[in-house]
Amino acid sequence: MPPNKFGGFVPPKAHFSTKLFSKIIGTSLFFWVLYRARQDYAVVLKLQHPWDAHHGHDSSSNHKDEEEKH
């Protein structure tokens, strides 16, 4: 068994800015995942179809107003 832990290998110390940046990115990712989960939970759990949330944007909508303007 080696006398030192990890055979004498000493890992380098991370700079403060690197630690801070990693915490900021990790926190942003965590809150983004929570935000998307709040928006899409019904679709993920199969409680709602993705196309059920968009009303009035189908191919059968009335486009006569646009034709009269031209």
C-alpha atoms as a PDB file:
ATOM      1  CA  MET A   1       0.000   0.000   0.000  1.00  0.00           C
ATOM      2  CA  PRO A   2       1.407   3.431  -0.910  1.00  0.00           C
ATOM      3  CA  PRO A   3       2.424   5.638   1.991  1.00  0.00           C
ATOM      4  CA  ASN A   4       0.500   8.654   0.668  1.00  0.00           C
ATOM      5  CA  LYS A   5      -3.123   8.887  -0.340  1.00  0.00           C
ATOM      6  CA  PHE A   6      -3.550   8.339  -4.105  1.00  0.00           C
ATOM      7  CA  GLY A   7       0.103   7.412  -4.460  1.00  0.00           C
ATOM      8  CA  GLY A   8       1.300  10.930  -3.724  1.00  0.00           C
ATOM      9  CA  PHE A   9      -0.974  12.665  -6.253  1.00  0.00           C
ATOM     10  CA  VAL A  10      -2.111  16.096  -5.108  1.00  0.00           C
ATOM     11  CA  PRO A  11      -5.002  17.562  -7.143  1.00  0.00           C
ATOM     12  CA  PRO A  12      -4.639  21.212  -8.134  1.00  0.00           C
ATOM     13  CA  LYS A  13      -6.705  23.833  -6.332  1.00  0.00           C
ATOM     14  CA  ALA A  14      -9.429  25.530  -8.362  1.00  0.00           C
ATOM     15  CA  HIS A  15      -9.439  29.314  -8.563  1.00  0.00           C
ATOM     16  CA  PHE A  16     -12.193  31.253  -6.828  1.00  0.00           C
ATOM     17  CA  SER A  17     -13.474  32.590 -10.164  1.00  0.00           C
ATOM     18  CA  THR A  18     -13.770  29.048 -11.540  1.00  0.00           C
ATOM     19  CA  LYS A  19     -15.766  27.929  -8.513  1.00  0.00           C
ATOM     20  CA  LEU A  20     -18.010  30.999  -8.712  1.00  0.00           C
ATOM     21  CA  PHE A  21     -18.625  30.560 -12.445  1.00  0.00           C
ATOM     22  CA  SER A  22     -19.487  26.883 -11.994  1.00  0.00           C
ATOM     23  CA  LYS A  23     -21.968  27.725  -9.219  1.00  0.00           C
ATOM     24  CA  ILE A  24     -23.628  30.406 -11.374  1.00  0.00           C
ATOM     25  CA  ILE A  25     -23.944  28.083 -14.370  1.00  0.00           C
ATOM     26  CA  GLY A  26     -25.187  25.201 -12.215  1.00  0.00           C
ATOM     27  CA  THR A  27     -27.784  27.383 -10.505  1.00  0.00           C
ATOM     28  CA  SER A  28     -28.982  28.771 -13.840  1.00  0.00           C
ATOM     29  CA  LEU A  29     -29.331  25.255 -15.234  1.00  0.00           C
ATOM     30  CA  PHE A  30     -31.227  24.088 -12.150  1.00  0.00           C
ATOM     31  CA  PHE A  31     -33.737  26.963 -12.324  1.00  0.00           C
ATOM     32  CA  TRP A  32     -34.135  26.523 -16.092  1.00  0.00           C
ATOM     33  CA  VAL A  33     -34.992  22.852 -15.584  1.00  0.00           C
ATOM     34  CA  LEU A  34     -37.555  23.799 -12.922  1.00  0.00           C
ATOM     35  CA  TYR A  35     -39.037  26.459 -15.223  1.00  0.00           C
ATOM     36  CA  ARG A  36     -39.365  24.006 -18.122  1.00  0.00           C
ATOM     37  CA  ALA A  37     -40.841  21.376 -15.795  1.00  0.00           C
ATOM     38  CA  ARG A  38     -43.485  23.870 -14.710  1.00  0.00           C
ATOM     39  CA  GLN A  39     -44.318  24.664 -18.339  1.00  0.00           C
ATOM     40  CA  ASP A  40     -44.341  21.082 -19.662  1.00  0.00           C
ATOM     41  CA  TYR A  41     -45.363  18.871 -16.750  1.00  0.00           C
ATOM     42  CA  ALA A  42     -48.788  18.034 -18.248  1.00  0.00           C
ATOM     43  CA  VAL A  43     -47.265  16.938 -21.548  1.00  0.00           C
ATOM     44  CA  VAL A  44     -44.533  14.883 -19.889  1.00  0.00           C
ATOM     45  CA  LEU A  45     -47.039  13.108 -17.633  1.00  0.00           C
ATOM     46  CA  LYS A  46     -49.353  12.472 -20.629  1.00  0.00           C
ATOM     47  CA  LEU A  47     -52.143  14.579 -19.095  1.00  0.00           C
ATOM     48  CA  GLN A  48     -52.352  16.826 -22.158  1.00  0.00           C
ATOM     49  CA  HIS A  49     -51.271  16.637 -25.790  1.00  0.00           C
ATOM     50  CA  PRO A  50     -48.764  19.309 -26.920  1.00  0.00           C
ATOM     51  CA  TRP A  51     -51.137  20.586 -29.610  1.00  0.00           C
ATOM     52  CA  ASP A  52     -54.046  21.057 -27.160  1.00  0.00           C
ATOM     53  CA  ALA A  53     -52.488  24.174 -25.641  1.00  0.00           C
ATOM     54  CA  HIS A  54     -52.542  26.278 -28.845  1.00  0.00           C
ATOM     55  CA  HIS A  55     -56.093  27.299 -29.676  1.00  0.00           C
ATOM     56  CA  GLY A  56     -56.978  29.251 -32.789  1.00  0.00           C
ATOM     57  CA  HIS A  57     -53.855  28.436 -34.799  1.00  0.00           C
ATOM     58  CA  ASP A  58     -55.133  25.535 -36.851  1.00  0.00           C
ATOM     59  CA  SER A  59     -55.627  25.239 -40.610  1.00  0.00           C
ATOM     60  CA  SER A  60     -59.391  25.714 -40.346  1.00  0.00           C
ATOM     61  CA  SER A  61     -59.192  29.230 -38.914  1.00  0.00           C
ATOM     62  CA  ASN A  62     -60.947  32.050 -40.721  1.00  0.00           C
ATOM     63  CA  HIS A  63     -58.540  33.988 -42.971  1.00  0.00           C
ATOM     64  CA  LYS A  64     -61.144  36.150 -44.755  1.00  0.00           C
ATOM     65  CA  ASP A  65     -60.023  39.278 -42.913  1.00  0.00           C
ATOM     66  CA  GLU A  66     -56.518  38.960 -44.355  1.00  0.00           C
ATOM     67  CA  GLU A  67     -57.861  38.474 -47.898  1.00  0.00           C
ATOM     68  CA  GLU A  68     -60.067  41.590 -47.675  1.00  0.00           C
ATOM     69  CA  LYS A  69     -57.110  43.805 -46.722  1.00  0.00           C
ATOM     70  CA  HIS A  70     -55.243  42.994 -49.948  1.00  0.00           C
END
